[in-house]
């Protein structure tokens, strides 16, 4: 439903509203599994494959709608838009279908198709179309690269600090959608959001360099 609302907002060319729906979908994705377990959906609806449903919804919210936004909002050069959209869609299919997407210690292998977050920053930071095109190509390539990205709510290497950092990032990022900030306040929020996001990426790169911790290997 949130993907449909985002698509309607794209038709209306209301880019902030599109991003709001995408961020709402991101928030829902963070709790839907816990809610499903609490409601005992698997026991009460055994013929429904929740994992398949989750993949379909995530592909719409994380990949298809963001790709459509990037093209329709002209965040990348129009002459390159079809090829870049194809790169997003196809690389993400590989990401969504690989059986070894996560390591034993819950890090993602390769860029985890967070195109909703990419689209947000391309829009909020006012990145030039040329720079945005380069970013899309690099991130699509990283889908296949031997690098790791952290899952902030499943990785246990940093205790509670990791989910707290992720929540702080999310709060600052969502706050950027409010139009009432002064220029300085908006700049500060964007800087914090980027810094927190960079820290999360850095933790994934650290995992790539050091390998899994001994405690994770023994589990």
C-alpha atoms as a PDB file:
ATOM      1  CA  UNK A   1       0.000   0.000   0.000  1.00  0.00           C
ATOM      2  CA  UNK A   2       2.821   2.416   0.844  1.00  0.00           C
ATOM      3  CA  UNK A   3       4.465   1.691  -2.512  1.00  0.00           C
ATOM      4  CA  UNK A   4       1.156   2.489  -4.242  1.00  0.00           C
ATOM      5  CA  UNK A   5       0.856   5.781  -2.347  1.00  0.00           C
ATOM      6  CA  UNK A   6       4.433   6.623  -3.318  1.00  0.00           C
ATOM      7  CA  UNK A   7       3.616   5.856  -6.955  1.00  0.00           C
ATOM      8  CA  UNK A   8       0.621   8.196  -6.798  1.00  0.00           C
ATOM      9  CA  UNK A   9       2.878  10.913  -5.385  1.00  0.00           C
ATOM     10  CA  UNK A  10       5.291  10.371  -8.287  1.00  0.00           C
ATOM     11  CA  UNK A  11       2.416  10.889 -10.715  1.00  0.00           C
ATOM     12  CA  UNK A  12       1.654  14.144  -8.911  1.00  0.00           C
ATOM     13  CA  UNK A  13       5.384  15.026  -8.952  1.00  0.00           C
ATOM     14  CA  UNK A  14       5.300  15.582  -5.196  1.00  0.00           C
ATOM     15  CA  UNK A  15       8.843  14.415  -4.471  1.00  0.00           C
ATOM     16  CA  UNK A  16       8.887  15.103  -0.691  1.00  0.00           C
ATOM     17  CA  UNK A  17       5.689  13.086  -0.318  1.00  0.00           C
ATOM     18  CA  UNK A  18       7.229  10.216  -2.271  1.00  0.00           C
ATOM     19  CA  UNK A  19      10.186  10.206   0.100  1.00  0.00           C
ATOM     20  CA  UNK A  20       7.886  10.347   3.109  1.00  0.00           C
ATOM     21  CA  UNK A  21       6.066   7.200   1.969  1.00  0.00           C
ATOM     22  CA  UNK A  22       9.353   5.437   1.235  1.00  0.00           C
ATOM     23  CA  UNK A  23      10.719   6.275   4.669  1.00  0.00           C
ATOM     24  CA  UNK A  24       7.444   5.118   6.220  1.00  0.00           C
ATOM     25  CA  UNK A  25       7.879   1.813   4.381  1.00  0.00           C
ATOM     26  CA  UNK A  26      11.431   1.595   5.724  1.00  0.00           C
ATOM     27  CA  UNK A  27      10.107   2.039   9.261  1.00  0.00           C
ATOM     28  CA  UNK A  28       7.413  -0.598   8.745  1.00  0.00           C
ATOM     29  CA  UNK A  29       9.984  -3.027   7.386  1.00  0.00           C
ATOM     30  CA  UNK A  30      11.916  -2.670  10.621  1.00  0.00           C
ATOM     31  CA  UNK A  31       9.044  -3.974  12.748  1.00  0.00           C
ATOM     32  CA  UNK A  32       6.849  -6.099  10.471  1.00  0.00           C
ATOM     33  CA  UNK A  33       8.703  -9.318  11.227  1.00  0.00           C
ATOM     34  CA  UNK A  34       8.399  -8.820  14.969  1.00  0.00           C
ATOM     35  CA  UNK A  35       4.708  -7.991  14.628  1.00  0.00           C
ATOM     36  CA  UNK A  36       4.128 -11.082  12.483  1.00  0.00           C
ATOM     37  CA  UNK A  37       5.795 -13.283  15.099  1.00  0.00           C
ATOM     38  CA  UNK A  38       3.801 -11.612  17.882  1.00  0.00           C
ATOM     39  CA  UNK A  39       0.556 -12.214  15.970  1.00  0.00           C
ATOM     40  CA  UNK A  40       1.616 -15.821  15.206  1.00  0.00           C
ATOM     41  CA  UNK A  41       0.871 -15.318  11.513  1.00  0.00           C
ATOM     42  CA  UNK A  42       2.750 -18.474  10.526  1.00  0.00           C
ATOM     43  CA  UNK A  43       0.525 -20.556  12.795  1.00  0.00           C
ATOM     44  CA  UNK A  44      -2.730 -18.818  11.893  1.00  0.00           C
ATOM     45  CA  UNK A  45      -2.073 -18.563   8.141  1.00  0.00           C
ATOM     46  CA  UNK A  46       0.251 -21.480   7.334  1.00  0.00           C
ATOM     47  CA  UNK A  47      -0.433 -21.282   3.584  1.00  0.00           C
ATOM     48  CA  UNK A  48       1.024 -17.769   3.400  1.00  0.00           C
ATOM     49  CA  UNK A  49       4.769 -17.565   2.789  1.00  0.00           C
ATOM     50  CA  UNK A  50       5.791 -14.472   4.741  1.00  0.00           C
ATOM     51  CA  UNK A  51       9.334 -14.519   3.366  1.00  0.00           C
ATOM     52  CA  UNK A  52       8.085 -14.343  -0.230  1.00  0.00           C
ATOM     53  CA  UNK A  53       5.619 -11.598   0.622  1.00  0.00           C
ATOM     54  CA  UNK A  54       8.387  -9.647   2.340  1.00  0.00           C
ATOM     55  CA  UNK A  55      10.622  -9.905  -0.739  1.00  0.00           C
ATOM     56  CA  UNK A  56       7.873  -8.635  -3.040  1.00  0.00           C
ATOM     57  CA  UNK A  57       7.069  -5.667  -0.810  1.00  0.00           C
ATOM     58  CA  UNK A  58      10.737  -4.842  -0.263  1.00  0.00           C
ATOM     59  CA  UNK A  59      11.514  -4.922  -3.983  1.00  0.00           C
ATOM     60  CA  UNK A  60       8.726  -2.434  -4.606  1.00  0.00           C
ATOM     61  CA  UNK A  61       9.691  -0.096  -1.753  1.00  0.00           C
ATOM     62  CA  UNK A  62      13.463  -0.401  -1.869  1.00  0.00           C
ATOM     63  CA  UNK A  63      14.045  -0.743  -5.601  1.00  0.00           C
ATOM     64  CA  UNK A  64      11.206  -0.208  -8.083  1.00  0.00           C
ATOM     65  CA  UNK A  65       9.631   2.954  -6.655  1.00  0.00           C
ATOM     66  CA  UNK A  66      13.023   4.587  -5.901  1.00  0.00           C
ATOM     67  CA  UNK A  67      14.199   3.818  -9.458  1.00  0.00           C
ATOM     68  CA  UNK A  68      11.021   5.400 -10.804  1.00  0.00           C
ATOM     69  CA  UNK A  69      11.573   8.431  -8.570  1.00  0.00           C
ATOM     70  CA  UNK A  70      15.185   8.847  -9.691  1.00  0.00           C
ATOM     71  CA  UNK A  71      14.072   8.833 -13.324  1.00  0.00           C
ATOM     72  CA  UNK A  72      10.902  10.940 -13.047  1.00  0.00           C
ATOM     73  CA  UNK A  73      12.470  13.552 -10.751  1.00  0.00           C
ATOM     74  CA  UNK A  74      15.362  13.824 -13.212  1.00  0.00           C
ATOM     75  CA  UNK A  75      17.907  13.140 -10.500  1.00  0.00           C
ATOM     76  CA  UNK A  76      20.147  11.615 -13.183  1.00  0.00           C
ATOM     77  CA  UNK A  77      20.743  12.804 -16.783  1.00  0.00           C
ATOM     78  CA  UNK A  78      17.703  11.951 -18.902  1.00  0.00           C
ATOM     79  CA  UNK A  79      19.853  10.418 -21.632  1.00  0.00           C
ATOM     80  CA  UNK A  80      21.256   7.907 -19.128  1.00  0.00           C
ATOM     81  CA  UNK A  81      18.090   7.361 -17.113  1.00  0.00           C
ATOM     82  CA  UNK A  82      16.882   4.128 -18.812  1.00  0.00           C
ATOM     83  CA  UNK A  83      20.292   2.469 -18.522  1.00  0.00           C
ATOM     84  CA  UNK A  84      20.726   3.563 -14.903  1.00  0.00           C
ATOM     85  CA  UNK A  85      17.235   2.380 -13.990  1.00  0.00           C
ATOM     86  CA  UNK A  86      18.044  -0.981 -15.587  1.00  0.00           C
ATOM     87  CA  UNK A  87      21.248  -1.157 -13.533  1.00  0.00           C
ATOM     88  CA  UNK A  88      19.256  -0.540 -10.349  1.00  0.00           C
ATOM     89  CA  UNK A  89      16.525  -3.046 -11.172  1.00  0.00           C
ATOM     90  CA  UNK A  90      18.753  -5.865 -12.445  1.00  0.00           C
ATOM     91  CA  UNK A  91      21.472  -5.604  -9.806  1.00  0.00           C
ATOM     92  CA  UNK A  92      18.786  -5.641  -7.134  1.00  0.00           C
ATOM     93  CA  UNK A  93      17.270  -8.814  -8.580  1.00  0.00           C
ATOM     94  CA  UNK A  94      20.610 -10.496  -7.948  1.00  0.00           C
ATOM     95  CA  UNK A  95      20.644  -9.101  -4.426  1.00  0.00           C
ATOM     96  CA  UNK A  96      17.118 -10.288  -3.661  1.00  0.00           C
ATOM     97  CA  UNK A  97      17.608 -13.798  -5.021  1.00  0.00           C
ATOM     98  CA  UNK A  98      21.086 -14.762  -3.794  1.00  0.00           C
ATOM     99  CA  UNK A  99      21.049 -17.446  -1.135  1.00  0.00           C
ATOM    100  CA  UNK A 100      24.147 -16.165   0.653  1.00  0.00           C
ATOM    101  CA  UNK A 101      23.051 -12.550   1.048  1.00  0.00           C
ATOM    102  CA  UNK A 102      23.888 -12.458   4.769  1.00  0.00           C
ATOM    103  CA  UNK A 103      26.913 -13.709   6.639  1.00  0.00           C
ATOM    104  CA  UNK A 104      26.706 -15.830   9.777  1.00  0.00           C
ATOM    105  CA  UNK A 105      27.137 -12.644  11.826  1.00  0.00           C
ATOM    106  CA  UNK A 106      24.309 -10.873   9.956  1.00  0.00           C
ATOM    107  CA  UNK A 107      26.232  -8.538   7.658  1.00  0.00           C
ATOM    108  CA  UNK A 108      25.045  -8.070   4.091  1.00  0.00           C
ATOM    109  CA  UNK A 109      27.302  -9.225   1.283  1.00  0.00           C
ATOM    110  CA  UNK A 110      27.433  -6.410  -1.260  1.00  0.00           C
ATOM    111  CA  UNK A 111      25.302  -3.274  -1.428  1.00  0.00           C
ATOM    112  CA  UNK A 112      21.913  -4.325   0.008  1.00  0.00           C
ATOM    113  CA  UNK A 113      19.709  -2.510  -2.543  1.00  0.00           C
ATOM    114  CA  UNK A 114      18.896   0.468  -0.325  1.00  0.00           C
ATOM    115  CA  UNK A 115      17.879   2.562  -3.313  1.00  0.00           C
ATOM    116  CA  UNK A 116      15.206   4.312  -1.254  1.00  0.00           C
ATOM    117  CA  UNK A 117      17.976   5.789   0.905  1.00  0.00           C
ATOM    118  CA  UNK A 118      20.056   6.613  -2.182  1.00  0.00           C
ATOM    119  CA  UNK A 119      17.131   8.433  -3.805  1.00  0.00           C
ATOM    120  CA  UNK A 120      16.545  10.360  -0.590  1.00  0.00           C
ATOM    121  CA  UNK A 121      20.107  11.674  -0.448  1.00  0.00           C
ATOM    122  CA  UNK A 122      20.249  12.467  -4.149  1.00  0.00           C
ATOM    123  CA  UNK A 123      17.182  14.645  -3.643  1.00  0.00           C
ATOM    124  CA  UNK A 124      17.867  16.100  -0.184  1.00  0.00           C
ATOM    125  CA  UNK A 125      21.521  16.919  -0.811  1.00  0.00           C
ATOM    126  CA  UNK A 126      20.864  18.444  -4.230  1.00  0.00           C
ATOM    127  CA  UNK A 127      23.428  16.216  -5.918  1.00  0.00           C
ATOM    128  CA  UNK A 128      24.084  17.099  -9.551  1.00  0.00           C
ATOM    129  CA  UNK A 129      22.659  14.634 -12.128  1.00  0.00           C
ATOM    130  CA  UNK A 130      26.152  13.745 -13.315  1.00  0.00           C
ATOM    131  CA  UNK A 131      27.379  12.956  -9.795  1.00  0.00           C
ATOM    132  CA  UNK A 132      24.164  11.045  -9.122  1.00  0.00           C
ATOM    133  CA  UNK A 133      24.766   8.916 -12.225  1.00  0.00           C
ATOM    134  CA  UNK A 134      28.251   8.044 -10.998  1.00  0.00           C
ATOM    135  CA  UNK A 135      26.862   7.135  -7.568  1.00  0.00           C
ATOM    136  CA  UNK A 136      24.247   4.832  -9.103  1.00  0.00           C
ATOM    137  CA  UNK A 137      26.850   3.024 -11.216  1.00  0.00           C
ATOM    138  CA  UNK A 138      29.202   2.577  -8.257  1.00  0.00           C
ATOM    139  CA  UNK A 139      26.489   1.311  -5.924  1.00  0.00           C
ATOM    140  CA  UNK A 140      25.106  -1.083  -8.539  1.00  0.00           C
ATOM    141  CA  UNK A 141      28.633  -2.446  -8.985  1.00  0.00           C
ATOM    142  CA  UNK A 142      29.038  -2.809  -5.218  1.00  0.00           C
ATOM    143  CA  UNK A 143      26.097  -5.231  -5.266  1.00  0.00           C
ATOM    144  CA  UNK A 144      28.512  -7.798  -6.709  1.00  0.00           C
ATOM    145  CA  UNK A 145      31.612  -6.712  -4.763  1.00  0.00           C
ATOM    146  CA  UNK A 146      33.153  -8.683  -1.852  1.00  0.00           C
ATOM    147  CA  UNK A 147      32.325  -5.974   0.687  1.00  0.00           C
ATOM    148  CA  UNK A 148      30.005  -5.983   3.677  1.00  0.00           C
ATOM    149  CA  UNK A 149      27.242  -3.681   4.892  1.00  0.00           C
ATOM    150  CA  UNK A 150      25.950  -3.700   8.429  1.00  0.00           C
ATOM    151  CA  UNK A 151      22.417  -4.683   9.427  1.00  0.00           C
ATOM    152  CA  UNK A 152      21.910  -2.256  12.330  1.00  0.00           C
ATOM    153  CA  UNK A 153      19.308  -4.344  14.157  1.00  0.00           C
ATOM    154  CA  UNK A 154      20.777  -7.823  13.726  1.00  0.00           C
ATOM    155  CA  UNK A 155      24.530  -7.384  13.998  1.00  0.00           C
ATOM    156  CA  UNK A 156      25.594  -7.957  17.602  1.00  0.00           C
ATOM    157  CA  UNK A 157      29.207  -6.762  17.444  1.00  0.00           C
ATOM    158  CA  UNK A 158      28.465  -3.352  18.987  1.00  0.00           C
ATOM    159  CA  UNK A 159      25.692  -4.083  21.455  1.00  0.00           C
ATOM    160  CA  UNK A 160      23.011  -1.417  21.803  1.00  0.00           C
ATOM    161  CA  UNK A 161      25.150   1.315  20.258  1.00  0.00           C
ATOM    162  CA  UNK A 162      24.469   0.131  16.727  1.00  0.00           C
ATOM    163  CA  UNK A 163      20.646   0.272  16.822  1.00  0.00           C
ATOM    164  CA  UNK A 164      20.871   3.586  18.704  1.00  0.00           C
ATOM    165  CA  UNK A 165      23.056   4.996  15.929  1.00  0.00           C
ATOM    166  CA  UNK A 166      20.603   3.710  13.332  1.00  0.00           C
ATOM    167  CA  UNK A 167      17.659   5.300  15.156  1.00  0.00           C
ATOM    168  CA  UNK A 168      19.525   8.615  15.426  1.00  0.00           C
ATOM    169  CA  UNK A 169      20.261   8.452  11.700  1.00  0.00           C
ATOM    170  CA  UNK A 170      16.609   7.701  10.943  1.00  0.00           C
ATOM    171  CA  UNK A 171      15.345  10.572  13.125  1.00  0.00           C
ATOM    172  CA  UNK A 172      17.651  13.115  11.477  1.00  0.00           C
ATOM    173  CA  UNK A 173      16.833  11.810   8.018  1.00  0.00           C
ATOM    174  CA  UNK A 174      13.076  11.926   8.516  1.00  0.00           C
ATOM    175  CA  UNK A 175      13.371  15.416  10.026  1.00  0.00           C
ATOM    176  CA  UNK A 176      14.881  16.646   6.763  1.00  0.00           C
ATOM    177  CA  UNK A 177      11.474  16.248   5.113  1.00  0.00           C
ATOM    178  CA  UNK A 178      10.025  19.084   7.207  1.00  0.00           C
ATOM    179  CA  UNK A 179      10.099  22.285   5.201  1.00  0.00           C
ATOM    180  CA  UNK A 180      10.161  24.675   8.175  1.00  0.00           C
ATOM    181  CA  UNK A 181      13.860  24.364   9.046  1.00  0.00           C
ATOM    182  CA  UNK A 182      16.135  27.344   8.688  1.00  0.00           C
ATOM    183  CA  UNK A 183      19.009  26.953   6.270  1.00  0.00           C
ATOM    184  CA  UNK A 184      21.537  26.380   9.050  1.00  0.00           C
ATOM    185  CA  UNK A 185      19.348  23.863  10.842  1.00  0.00           C
ATOM    186  CA  UNK A 186      18.734  21.924   7.660  1.00  0.00           C
ATOM    187  CA  UNK A 187      22.445  21.892   6.883  1.00  0.00           C
ATOM    188  CA  UNK A 188      23.200  20.599  10.374  1.00  0.00           C
ATOM    189  CA  UNK A 189      20.582  17.849  10.074  1.00  0.00           C
ATOM    190  CA  UNK A 190      21.869  16.806   6.671  1.00  0.00           C
ATOM    191  CA  UNK A 191      25.449  16.767   7.969  1.00  0.00           C
ATOM    192  CA  UNK A 192      24.463  14.600  10.941  1.00  0.00           C
ATOM    193  CA  UNK A 193      22.437  12.251   8.745  1.00  0.00           C
ATOM    194  CA  UNK A 194      25.331  11.864   6.315  1.00  0.00           C
ATOM    195  CA  UNK A 195      27.847  11.387   9.138  1.00  0.00           C
ATOM    196  CA  UNK A 196      25.709   8.721  10.834  1.00  0.00           C
ATOM    197  CA  UNK A 197      25.156   6.999   7.506  1.00  0.00           C
ATOM    198  CA  UNK A 198      28.882   7.100   6.799  1.00  0.00           C
ATOM    199  CA  UNK A 199      29.542   5.552  10.217  1.00  0.00           C
ATOM    200  CA  UNK A 200      27.179   2.679   9.430  1.00  0.00           C
ATOM    201  CA  UNK A 201      28.900   2.131   6.088  1.00  0.00           C
ATOM    202  CA  UNK A 202      32.274   2.298   7.823  1.00  0.00           C
ATOM    203  CA  UNK A 203      31.288  -0.501  10.210  1.00  0.00           C
ATOM    204  CA  UNK A 204      30.518  -2.690   7.216  1.00  0.00           C
ATOM    205  CA  UNK A 205      33.857  -1.901   5.622  1.00  0.00           C
ATOM    206  CA  UNK A 206      35.576  -2.665   8.925  1.00  0.00           C
ATOM    207  CA  UNK A 207      33.911  -6.090   8.892  1.00  0.00           C
ATOM    208  CA  UNK A 208      35.258  -6.616   5.357  1.00  0.00           C
ATOM    209  CA  UNK A 209      38.804  -5.808   6.462  1.00  0.00           C
ATOM    210  CA  UNK A 210      38.911  -7.708   9.767  1.00  0.00           C
ATOM    211  CA  UNK A 211      36.635 -10.632   9.003  1.00  0.00           C
ATOM    212  CA  UNK A 212      34.109 -12.046  11.488  1.00  0.00           C
ATOM    213  CA  UNK A 213      34.817 -11.750  15.178  1.00  0.00           C
ATOM    214  CA  UNK A 214      35.708 -14.940  17.029  1.00  0.00           C
ATOM    215  CA  UNK A 215      32.423 -14.902  18.952  1.00  0.00           C
ATOM    216  CA  UNK A 216      30.469 -14.752  15.684  1.00  0.00           C
ATOM    217  CA  UNK A 217      32.529 -17.606  14.199  1.00  0.00           C
ATOM    218  CA  UNK A 218      31.853 -19.827  17.215  1.00  0.00           C
ATOM    219  CA  UNK A 219      28.091 -19.344  17.156  1.00  0.00           C
END
